[in-house]
C-alpha atoms as a PDB file:
ATOM      1  CA  MET A   1     -26.762  16.640   7.293  1.00  0.00           C
ATOM      2  CA  ASN A   2     -29.313  16.831   4.031  1.00  0.00           C
ATOM      3  CA  SER A   3     -28.210  20.267   1.631  1.00  0.00           C
ATOM      4  CA  ASN A   4     -31.941  19.765   0.419  1.00  0.00           C
ATOM      5  CA  LEU A   5     -32.943  21.035   3.828  1.00  0.00           C
ATOM      6  CA  ILE A   6     -31.527  24.607   3.623  1.00  0.00           C
ATOM      7  CA  GLN A   7     -32.689  25.043   0.329  1.00  0.00           C
ATOM      8  CA  ASP A   8     -34.706  28.701   0.135  1.00  0.00           C
ATOM      9  CA  HIS A   9     -33.585  28.689   3.607  1.00  0.00           C
ATOM     10  CA  PRO A  10     -32.686  31.789   5.252  1.00  0.00           C
ATOM     11  CA  ILE A  11     -29.704  29.878   7.184  1.00  0.00           C
ATOM     12  CA  SER A  12     -27.128  28.289   4.729  1.00  0.00           C
ATOM     13  CA  LEU A  13     -26.056  24.655   5.419  1.00  0.00           C
ATOM     14  CA  ALA A  14     -22.535  26.168   6.671  1.00  0.00           C
ATOM     15  CA  GLN A  15     -24.668  28.567   9.537  1.00  0.00           C
ATOM     16  CA  ALA A  16     -26.526  25.566  10.380  1.00  0.00           C
ATOM     17  CA  GLU A  17     -23.657  23.325  11.069  1.00  0.00           C
ATOM     18  CA  LYS A  18     -22.160  26.456  12.881  1.00  0.00           C
ATOM     19  CA  LEU A  19     -25.037  26.256  15.226  1.00  0.00           C
ATOM     20  CA  LEU A  20     -25.303  22.469  16.090  1.00  0.00           C
ATOM     21  CA  LYS A  21     -21.353  22.495  16.872  1.00  0.00           C
ATOM     22  CA  GLY A  22     -22.289  24.798  19.593  1.00  0.00           C
ATOM     23  CA  ASP A  23     -25.352  26.364  21.505  1.00  0.00           C
ATOM     24  CA  LEU A  24     -28.541  24.629  19.423  1.00  0.00           C
ATOM     25  CA  GLY A  25     -25.979  21.475  19.524  1.00  0.00           C
ATOM     26  CA  GLU A  26     -26.464  21.581  23.229  1.00  0.00           C
ATOM     27  CA  ILE A  27     -30.281  22.656  23.666  1.00  0.00           C
ATOM     28  CA  HIS A  28     -30.824  19.696  21.676  1.00  0.00           C
ATOM     29  CA  ARG A  29     -29.318  17.355  23.919  1.00  0.00           C
ATOM     30  CA  ASP A  30     -30.441  19.132  26.620  1.00  0.00           C
ATOM     31  CA  ILE A  31     -34.207  17.728  24.931  1.00  0.00           C
ATOM     32  CA  LEU A  32     -33.298  15.298  25.133  1.00  0.00           C
ATOM     33  CA  LYS A  33     -31.851  14.276  27.613  1.00  0.00           C
ATOM     34  CA  LYS A  34     -34.468  15.553  30.083  1.00  0.00           C
ATOM     35  CA  SER A  35     -37.256  13.795  27.650  1.00  0.00           C
ATOM     36  CA  CYS A  36     -35.796  10.064  28.576  1.00  0.00           C
ATOM     37  CA  ALA A  37     -34.874   8.010  31.526  1.00  0.00           C
ATOM     38  CA  PRO A  38     -32.601   4.785  31.344  1.00  0.00           C
ATOM     39  CA  PHE A  39     -35.289   1.538  31.918  1.00  0.00           C
ATOM     40  CA  TYR A  40     -32.969  -1.384  33.254  1.00  0.00           C
ATOM     41  CA  TRP A  41     -33.187  -3.900  35.505  1.00  0.00           C
ATOM     42  CA  HIS A  42     -30.281  -5.167  37.826  1.00  0.00           C
ATOM     43  CA  LEU A  43     -29.114  -7.373  40.776  1.00  0.00           C
ATOM     44  CA  PRO A  44     -28.715  -6.442  44.186  1.00  0.00           C
ATOM     45  CA  ASN A  45     -24.586  -6.724  43.809  1.00  0.00           C
ATOM     46  CA  GLY A  46     -25.439  -4.158  41.342  1.00  0.00           C
ATOM     47  CA  GLN A  47     -24.967  -5.995  38.209  1.00  0.00           C
ATOM     48  CA  CYS A  48     -26.701  -4.415  35.180  1.00  0.00           C
ATOM     49  CA  LEU A  49     -28.845  -7.596  33.794  1.00  0.00           C
ATOM     50  CA  ASN A  50     -30.181  -5.363  30.956  1.00  0.00           C
ATOM     51  CA  ASN A  51     -31.737  -2.023  29.454  1.00  0.00           C
ATOM     52  CA  GLY A  52     -33.934  -0.131  27.070  1.00  0.00           C
ATOM     53  CA  THR A  53     -35.086   3.111  27.408  1.00  0.00           C
ATOM     54  CA  MET A  54     -38.124   5.109  28.221  1.00  0.00           C
ATOM     55  CA  THR A  55     -39.433   8.098  27.072  1.00  0.00           C
ATOM     56  CA  PHE A  56     -41.840  10.868  28.769  1.00  0.00           C
ATOM     57  CA  LEU A  57     -45.133  11.478  27.035  1.00  0.00           C
ATOM     58  CA  ARG A  58     -47.906  14.151  28.350  1.00  0.00           C
ATOM     59  CA  THR A  59     -51.516  13.561  26.452  1.00  0.00           C
ATOM     60  CA  PRO A  60     -54.420  15.819  27.503  1.00  0.00           C
ATOM     61  CA  LYS A  61     -55.526  12.426  29.737  1.00  0.00           C
ATOM     62  CA  LYS A  62     -52.476  10.805  30.305  1.00  0.00           C
ATOM     63  CA  LEU A  63     -48.684  11.181  32.212  1.00  0.00           C
ATOM     64  CA  LEU A  64     -47.125   8.181  30.047  1.00  0.00           C
ATOM     65  CA  GLY A  65     -43.963   6.379  30.418  1.00  0.00           C
ATOM     66  CA  VAL A  66     -44.076   4.753  26.946  1.00  0.00           C
ATOM     67  CA  THR A  67     -41.049   1.659  25.335  1.00  0.00           C
ATOM     68  CA  ALA A  68     -40.695  -1.026  22.969  1.00  0.00           C
ATOM     69  CA  GLU A  69     -42.766  -3.780  23.439  1.00  0.00           C
ATOM     70  CA  HIS A  70     -39.682  -5.740  22.821  1.00  0.00           C
ATOM     71  CA  VAL A  71     -38.375  -4.155  26.173  1.00  0.00           C
ATOM     72  CA  LEU A  72     -40.559  -5.397  28.655  1.00  0.00           C
ATOM     73  CA  ARG A  73     -40.360  -8.810  27.177  1.00  0.00           C
ATOM     74  CA  SER A  74     -37.167  -8.809  28.380  1.00  0.00           C
ATOM     75  CA  TYR A  75     -37.603  -7.743  31.569  1.00  0.00           C
ATOM     76  CA  GLU A  76     -40.457 -10.680  31.524  1.00  0.00           C
ATOM     77  CA  LYS A  77     -38.278 -12.999  30.236  1.00  0.00           C
ATOM     78  CA  CYS A  78     -35.611 -12.483  33.045  1.00  0.00           C
ATOM     79  CA  ALA A  79     -35.580 -15.949  35.139  1.00  0.00           C
ATOM     80  CA  ASN A  80     -33.894 -14.577  37.737  1.00  0.00           C
ATOM     81  CA  ASP A  81     -35.874 -13.581  41.019  1.00  0.00           C
ATOM     82  CA  GLN A  82     -33.591 -11.025  42.374  1.00  0.00           C
ATOM     83  CA  LYS A  83     -33.917  -8.876  39.469  1.00  0.00           C
ATOM     84  CA  ILE A  84     -34.813  -5.484  40.423  1.00  0.00           C
ATOM     85  CA  LEU A  85     -36.467  -2.766  38.191  1.00  0.00           C
ATOM     86  CA  ARG A  86     -35.688   0.894  37.876  1.00  0.00           C
ATOM     87  CA  LEU A  87     -36.649   3.886  35.940  1.00  0.00           C
ATOM     88  CA  MET A  88     -32.933   5.980  36.198  1.00  0.00           C
ATOM     89  CA  ASN A  89     -33.018   6.155  40.372  1.00  0.00           C
ATOM     90  CA  ALA A  90     -37.221   5.173  40.745  1.00  0.00           C
ATOM     91  CA  TYR A  91     -37.843   1.315  41.842  1.00  0.00           C
ATOM     92  CA  ILE A  92     -40.409   0.199  39.589  1.00  0.00           C
ATOM     93  CA  THR A  93     -42.247  -2.469  42.360  1.00  0.00           C
ATOM     94  CA  ASP A  94     -45.889  -2.830  40.263  1.00  0.00           C
ATOM     95  CA  LEU A  95     -44.933  -2.364  37.059  1.00  0.00           C
ATOM     96  CA  PRO A  96     -47.721  -4.875  35.958  1.00  0.00           C
ATOM     97  CA  ASP A  97     -50.324  -2.537  37.352  1.00  0.00           C
ATOM     98  CA  ARG A  98     -49.055   0.090  35.511  1.00  0.00           C
ATOM     99  CA  ILE A  99     -48.867  -0.881  32.162  1.00  0.00           C
ATOM    100  CA  ILE A 100     -51.482   0.300  30.108  1.00  0.00           C
ATOM    101  CA  ASP A 101     -51.273  -1.521  26.863  1.00  0.00           C
ATOM    102  CA  ARG A 102     -48.553  -3.402  24.407  1.00  0.00           C
ATOM    103  CA  SER A 103     -48.814  -4.400  20.997  1.00  0.00           C
ATOM    104  CA  ALA A 104     -46.207  -6.992  20.132  1.00  0.00           C
ATOM    105  CA  THR A 105     -47.120  -6.399  16.475  1.00  0.00           C
ATOM    106  CA  LEU A 106     -46.316  -2.300  16.724  1.00  0.00           C
ATOM    107  CA  ASP A 107     -43.339  -2.699  19.471  1.00  0.00           C
ATOM    108  CA  LEU A 108     -45.145  -0.615  21.642  1.00  0.00           C
ATOM    109  CA  ALA A 109     -45.881  -0.175  25.441  1.00  0.00           C
ATOM    110  CA  THR A 110     -47.309   2.640  27.496  1.00  0.00           C
ATOM    111  CA  ILE A 111     -47.241   2.484  31.483  1.00  0.00           C
ATOM    112  CA  GLU A 112     -48.271   4.449  33.947  1.00  0.00           C
ATOM    113  CA  ILE A 113     -46.176   6.999  34.922  1.00  0.00           C
ATOM    114  CA  ASP A 114     -47.338   9.179  38.431  1.00  0.00           C
ATOM    115  CA  GLU A 115     -45.411  12.529  40.158  1.00  0.00           C
ATOM    116  CA  ILE A 116     -43.948  10.652  42.613  1.00  0.00           C
ATOM    117  CA  ILE A 117     -42.105   8.276  40.063  1.00  0.00           C
ATOM    118  CA  LEU A 118     -41.207  11.661  38.424  1.00  0.00           C
ATOM    119  CA  LYS A 119     -39.867  13.138  41.141  1.00  0.00           C
ATOM    120  CA  SER A 120     -37.735   9.508  42.127  1.00  0.00           C
ATOM    121  CA  ILE A 121     -35.756   9.876  38.623  1.00  0.00           C
ATOM    122  CA  GLY A 122     -33.212  11.731  40.038  1.00  0.00           C
ATOM    123  CA  LYS A 123     -33.135  14.380  36.962  1.00  0.00           C
ATOM    124  CA  GLU A 124     -35.126  17.060  35.628  1.00  0.00           C
ATOM    125  CA  VAL A 125     -37.913  15.649  33.572  1.00  0.00           C
ATOM    126  CA  VAL A 126     -40.202  17.524  30.513  1.00  0.00           C
ATOM    127  CA  PRO A 127     -42.522  14.754  29.164  1.00  0.00           C
ATOM    128  CA  LEU A 128     -43.095  15.641  25.254  1.00  0.00           C
ATOM    129  CA  GLU A 129     -46.039  16.569  23.702  1.00  0.00           C
ATOM    130  CA  PRO A 130     -46.909  14.908  20.526  1.00  0.00           C
ATOM    131  CA  SER A 131     -46.897  16.120  17.402  1.00  0.00           C
ATOM    132  CA  PRO A 132     -50.511  16.577  16.258  1.00  0.00           C
ATOM    133  CA  ARG A 133     -49.464  16.400  11.854  1.00  0.00           C
ATOM    134  CA  LEU A 134     -46.960  14.071  10.880  1.00  0.00           C
ATOM    135  CA  PRO A 135     -44.005  14.789  10.465  1.00  0.00           C
ATOM    136  CA  GLN A 136     -41.837  15.113   6.046  1.00  0.00           C
ATOM    137  CA  GLU A 137     -39.231  12.867   4.762  1.00  0.00           C
ATOM    138  CA  GLY A 138     -36.668  15.160   4.304  1.00  0.00           C
ATOM    139  CA  LYS A 139     -37.183  17.071   7.087  1.00  0.00           C
ATOM    140  CA  GLY A 140     -35.166  17.114  10.737  1.00  0.00           C
ATOM    141  CA  VAL A 141     -35.200  14.973  13.779  1.00  0.00           C
ATOM    142  CA  MET A 142     -33.344  14.723  16.406  1.00  0.00           C
ATOM    143  CA  LEU A 143     -33.207  10.933  18.670  1.00  0.00           C
ATOM    144  CA  ALA A 144     -31.947   9.791  21.817  1.00  0.00           C
ATOM    145  CA  GLY A 145     -31.326   6.364  24.093  1.00  0.00           C
ATOM    146  CA  TYR A 146     -29.369   4.939  26.495  1.00  0.00           C
ATOM    147  CA  HIS A 147     -26.698   2.198  24.606  1.00  0.00           C
ATOM    148  CA  GLU A 148     -25.806  -0.668  26.456  1.00  0.00           C
ATOM    149  CA  ASN A 149     -21.945   0.098  25.695  1.00  0.00           C
ATOM    150  CA  GLY A 150     -22.638   3.191  27.372  1.00  0.00           C
ATOM    151  CA  ARG A 151     -23.088   2.030  31.057  1.00  0.00           C
ATOM    152  CA  ARG A 152     -21.178   2.009  33.919  1.00  0.00           C
ATOM    153  CA  VAL A 153     -21.206   0.374  37.498  1.00  0.00           C
ATOM    154  CA  ASP A 154     -19.740   2.690  40.006  1.00  0.00           C
ATOM    155  CA  GLU A 155     -17.715   2.407  42.748  1.00  0.00           C
ATOM    156  CA  LEU A 156     -20.313   2.684  45.192  1.00  0.00           C
ATOM    157  CA  PRO A 157     -23.578  -0.544  45.277  1.00  0.00           C
ATOM    158  CA  ASN A 158     -26.159  -0.135  43.229  1.00  0.00           C
ATOM    159  CA  THR A 159     -24.819   2.803  41.273  1.00  0.00           C
ATOM    160  CA  ILE A 160     -25.523   2.087  37.361  1.00  0.00           C
ATOM    161  CA  ASN A 161     -24.447   5.274  35.531  1.00  0.00           C
ATOM    162  CA  PHE A 162     -25.809   4.981  31.650  1.00  0.00           C
ATOM    163  CA  GLY A 163     -24.403   7.424  28.678  1.00  0.00           C
ATOM    164  CA  LEU A 164     -26.853   8.821  26.423  1.00  0.00           C
ATOM    165  CA  PHE A 165     -26.801   8.577  22.378  1.00  0.00           C
ATOM    166  CA  THR A 166     -27.736  11.548  20.805  1.00  0.00           C
ATOM    167  CA  CYS A 167     -28.429  12.113  16.954  1.00  0.00           C
ATOM    168  CA  ASN A 168     -29.611  15.019  14.164  1.00  0.00           C
ATOM    169  CA  GLU A 169     -30.263  13.214  10.840  1.00  0.00           C
ATOM    170  CA  VAL A 170     -32.878  13.692   8.659  1.00  0.00           C
ATOM    171  CA  ILE A 171     -36.439  11.647   7.928  1.00  0.00           C
ATOM    172  CA  ARG A 172     -35.494   8.655   4.858  1.00  0.00           C
ATOM    173  CA  ARG A 173     -38.786   7.496   4.684  1.00  0.00           C
ATOM    174  CA  ILE A 174     -42.400   7.835   6.421  1.00  0.00           C
ATOM    175  CA  THR A 175     -45.244   4.666   6.005  1.00  0.00           C
ATOM    176  CA  ASN A 176     -48.762   3.821   7.700  1.00  0.00           C
ATOM    177  CA  THR A 177     -46.795   2.953  11.241  1.00  0.00           C
ATOM    178  CA  GLN A 178     -43.103   3.633  11.115  1.00  0.00           C
ATOM    179  CA  ILE A 179     -40.736   6.136  10.902  1.00  0.00           C
ATOM    180  CA  SER A 180     -36.975   5.370   9.619  1.00  0.00           C
ATOM    181  CA  ILE A 181     -33.566   6.884   9.350  1.00  0.00           C
ATOM    182  CA  MET A 182     -30.085   6.260   8.280  1.00  0.00           C
ATOM    183  CA  LEU A 183     -27.331   7.141  10.156  1.00  0.00           C
ATOM    184  CA  ASN A 184     -25.605   8.731   7.209  1.00  0.00           C
ATOM    185  CA  ARG A 185     -21.088   9.357   8.380  1.00  0.00           C
ATOM    186  CA  ASP A 186     -20.983  11.262   5.758  1.00  0.00           C
ATOM    187  CA  ASP A 187     -22.758  13.799   6.899  1.00  0.00           C
ATOM    188  CA  MET A 188     -21.892  13.587  10.016  1.00  0.00           C
ATOM    189  CA  ILE A 189     -20.782  16.929  12.295  1.00  0.00           C
ATOM    190  CA  ASN A 190     -17.946  16.761  14.891  1.00  0.00           C
ATOM    191  CA  VAL A 191     -19.427  18.459  17.997  1.00  0.00           C
ATOM    192  CA  PRO A 192     -16.341  19.751  20.743  1.00  0.00           C
ATOM    193  CA  GLY A 193     -16.954  17.679  23.925  1.00  0.00           C
ATOM    194  CA  ILE A 194     -18.912  14.791  22.218  1.00  0.00           C
ATOM    195  CA  GLU A 195     -17.054  11.234  20.884  1.00  0.00           C
ATOM    196  CA  THR A 196     -18.072  10.848  17.281  1.00  0.00           C
ATOM    197  CA  LEU A 197     -20.074   7.644  16.745  1.00  0.00           C
ATOM    198  CA  PRO A 198     -17.583   4.736  15.976  1.00  0.00           C
ATOM    199  CA  GLN A 199     -18.130   2.639  13.379  1.00  0.00           C
ATOM    200  CA  ASN A 200     -20.548  -0.077  13.511  1.00  0.00           C
ATOM    201  CA  TYR A 201     -21.312   1.260  17.469  1.00  0.00           C
ATOM    202  CA  ASN A 202     -23.573  -0.825  19.372  1.00  0.00           C
ATOM    203  CA  LEU A 203     -25.969   1.358  20.250  1.00  0.00           C
ATOM    204  CA  SER A 204     -28.472  -1.813  21.877  1.00  0.00           C
ATOM    205  CA  GLY A 205     -30.701  -0.006  24.490  1.00  0.00           C
ATOM    206  CA  ILE A 206     -31.748   2.867  22.834  1.00  0.00           C
ATOM    207  CA  SER A 207     -35.030   1.276  22.148  1.00  0.00           C
ATOM    208  CA  GLY A 208     -37.979   3.156  23.195  1.00  0.00           C
ATOM    209  CA  GLY A 209     -36.031   5.608  23.115  1.00  0.00           C
ATOM    210  CA  PRO A 210     -37.326   9.825  21.199  1.00  0.00           C
ATOM    211  CA  LEU A 211     -37.797  10.498  17.811  1.00  0.00           C
ATOM    212  CA  ILE A 212     -38.699  14.292  17.804  1.00  0.00           C
ATOM    213  CA  ALA A 213     -39.232  16.084  14.789  1.00  0.00           C
ATOM    214  CA  LEU A 214     -38.441  19.136  13.910  1.00  0.00           C
ATOM    215  CA  PHE A 215     -41.170  22.036  12.515  1.00  0.00           C
ATOM    216  CA  GLU A 216     -41.217  25.628  11.754  1.00  0.00           C
ATOM    217  CA  THR A 217     -44.051  28.177  11.032  1.00  0.00           C
ATOM    218  CA  GLN A 218     -44.339  30.212   7.867  1.00  0.00           C
ATOM    219  CA  ASN A 219     -41.808  32.833   9.403  1.00  0.00           C
ATOM    220  CA  TYR A 220     -39.034  30.683  10.321  1.00  0.00           C
ATOM    221  CA  ILE A 221     -39.918  29.926  13.695  1.00  0.00           C
ATOM    222  CA  SER A 222     -39.021  26.028  15.004  1.00  0.00           C
ATOM    223  CA  TYR A 223     -40.803  24.096  17.675  1.00  0.00           C
ATOM    224  CA  TYR A 224     -40.498  20.453  17.976  1.00  0.00           C
ATOM    225  CA  ARG A 225     -42.925  17.406  19.317  1.00  0.00           C
ATOM    226  CA  LEU A 226     -42.756  13.860  19.483  1.00  0.00           C
ATOM    227  CA  ALA A 227     -42.865  11.625  16.397  1.00  0.00           C
ATOM    228  CA  GLY A 228     -42.171   7.921  17.270  1.00  0.00           C
ATOM    229  CA  ILE A 229     -40.757   5.727  19.694  1.00  0.00           C
ATOM    230  CA  ILE A 230     -37.561   3.821  18.334  1.00  0.00           C
ATOM    231  CA  VAL A 231     -37.905   0.155  18.032  1.00  0.00           C
ATOM    232  CA  GLN A 232     -35.169  -1.070  16.475  1.00  0.00           C
ATOM    233  CA  GLN A 233     -31.625  -0.052  15.660  1.00  0.00           C
ATOM    234  CA  PRO A 234     -28.566  -1.336  13.857  1.00  0.00           C
ATOM    235  CA  ASP A 235     -28.079  -4.800  14.193  1.00  0.00           C
ATOM    236  CA  TYR A 236     -24.621  -5.846  13.666  1.00  0.00           C
ATOM    237  CA  GLU A 237     -23.901  -9.047  15.437  1.00  0.00           C
ATOM    238  CA  ASN A 238     -26.496 -10.918  13.726  1.00  0.00           C
ATOM    239  CA  SER A 239     -26.554  -9.603  10.462  1.00  0.00           C
ATOM    240  CA  ASP A 240     -23.660  -9.848   7.020  1.00  0.00           C
ATOM    241  CA  ILE A 241     -24.637  -6.660   6.309  1.00  0.00           C
ATOM    242  CA  ALA A 242     -24.300  -3.331   8.776  1.00  0.00           C
ATOM    243  CA  ILE A 243     -26.967  -1.018   7.687  1.00  0.00           C
ATOM    244  CA  GLU A 244     -26.847   1.505   9.927  1.00  0.00           C
ATOM    245  CA  ARG A 245     -30.664   2.835   9.758  1.00  0.00           C
ATOM    246  CA  VAL A 246     -32.878   3.691  13.118  1.00  0.00           C
ATOM    247  CA  ILE A 247     -36.578   2.704  12.950  1.00  0.00           C
ATOM    248  CA  ALA A 248     -39.475   4.381  14.966  1.00  0.00           C
ATOM    249  CA  THR A 249     -42.639   3.363  15.715  1.00  0.00           C
ATOM    250  CA  ARG A 250     -45.280   6.630  14.742  1.00  0.00           C
ATOM    251  CA  VAL A 251     -46.667   8.008  18.031  1.00  0.00           C
ATOM    252  CA  ASP A 252     -49.714   8.473  16.653  1.00  0.00           C
ATOM    253  CA  MET A 253     -50.446   5.391  17.210  1.00  0.00           C
ATOM    254  CA  ILE A 254     -50.727   5.912  20.796  1.00  0.00           C
ATOM    255  CA  ARG A 255     -54.499   7.395  22.237  1.00  0.00           C
ATOM    256  CA  GLU A 256     -54.743  10.222  24.300  1.00  0.00           C
ATOM    257  CA  ASP A 257     -55.423   7.454  27.157  1.00  0.00           C
ATOM    258  CA  GLY A 258     -52.437   5.588  26.384  1.00  0.00           C
ATOM    259  CA  LYS A 259     -54.081   2.858  24.749  1.00  0.00           C
ATOM    260  CA  ILE A 260     -52.291   1.562  21.721  1.00  0.00           C
ATOM    261  CA  SER A 261     -54.298   1.769  18.129  1.00  0.00           C
ATOM    262  CA  ASN A 262     -56.198  -1.719  18.062  1.00  0.00           C
ATOM    263  CA  ILE A 263     -56.142  -2.030  14.155  1.00  0.00           C
ATOM    264  CA  TYR A 264     -52.221  -3.603  14.479  1.00  0.00           C
ATOM    265  CA  HIS A 265     -52.664  -5.390  17.788  1.00  0.00           C
ATOM    266  CA  LEU A 266     -51.934  -8.936  17.487  1.00  0.00           C
END
């Protein structure tokens, strides 16, 4: 947590850390849990082939599932004819018909979600609203995703459980299309009941997860909105330098109808 965020604020740094260790941290985690679901494909015997994350976004016109375009590409390149596509407990059998738009340049894909899918997912889902304004560098965000190392195959057939990675951090940089953060281990807060993130931990699978910006009114009333979709996570296997940076594509690249800004299409 960046101490610059607490300057001239009625809540001190020590108070903020205490809140995140307690009820506030639980509230943030619950918001994240309800905003996304594992998006994965597996074999009939339950073997998971790969997974990403899908974030739920409600605009004035559409209910959308949003993920990274490279997650869709990975599914499409999987040559196994027996692969089964699921959104947590919901089976997706008509993916091509549900794709609204995709952009390899922005690494975004939007998918039409209906109430039948929502009810089949197997948990409460609360779609996020897009941020009406751009967040600021140095301000707080929370993010989540279903990482590959957190998935477990249950003894029951076709039952795969996923562990949810969640994090509170601050925005390091905002560009015309992206938001980036650094996972600063010096500022990490140990929360009871939640395992501390190991060094160089494999976060593959969180692509498509939400980056939620935290805002405050002038009277310090806080609220949150979806600001970005995670498209890059640390890659330790293919990099000589372990940089714990997470990058999200800005959600304002997505229009109300689910179309992606064509300025940045290939």
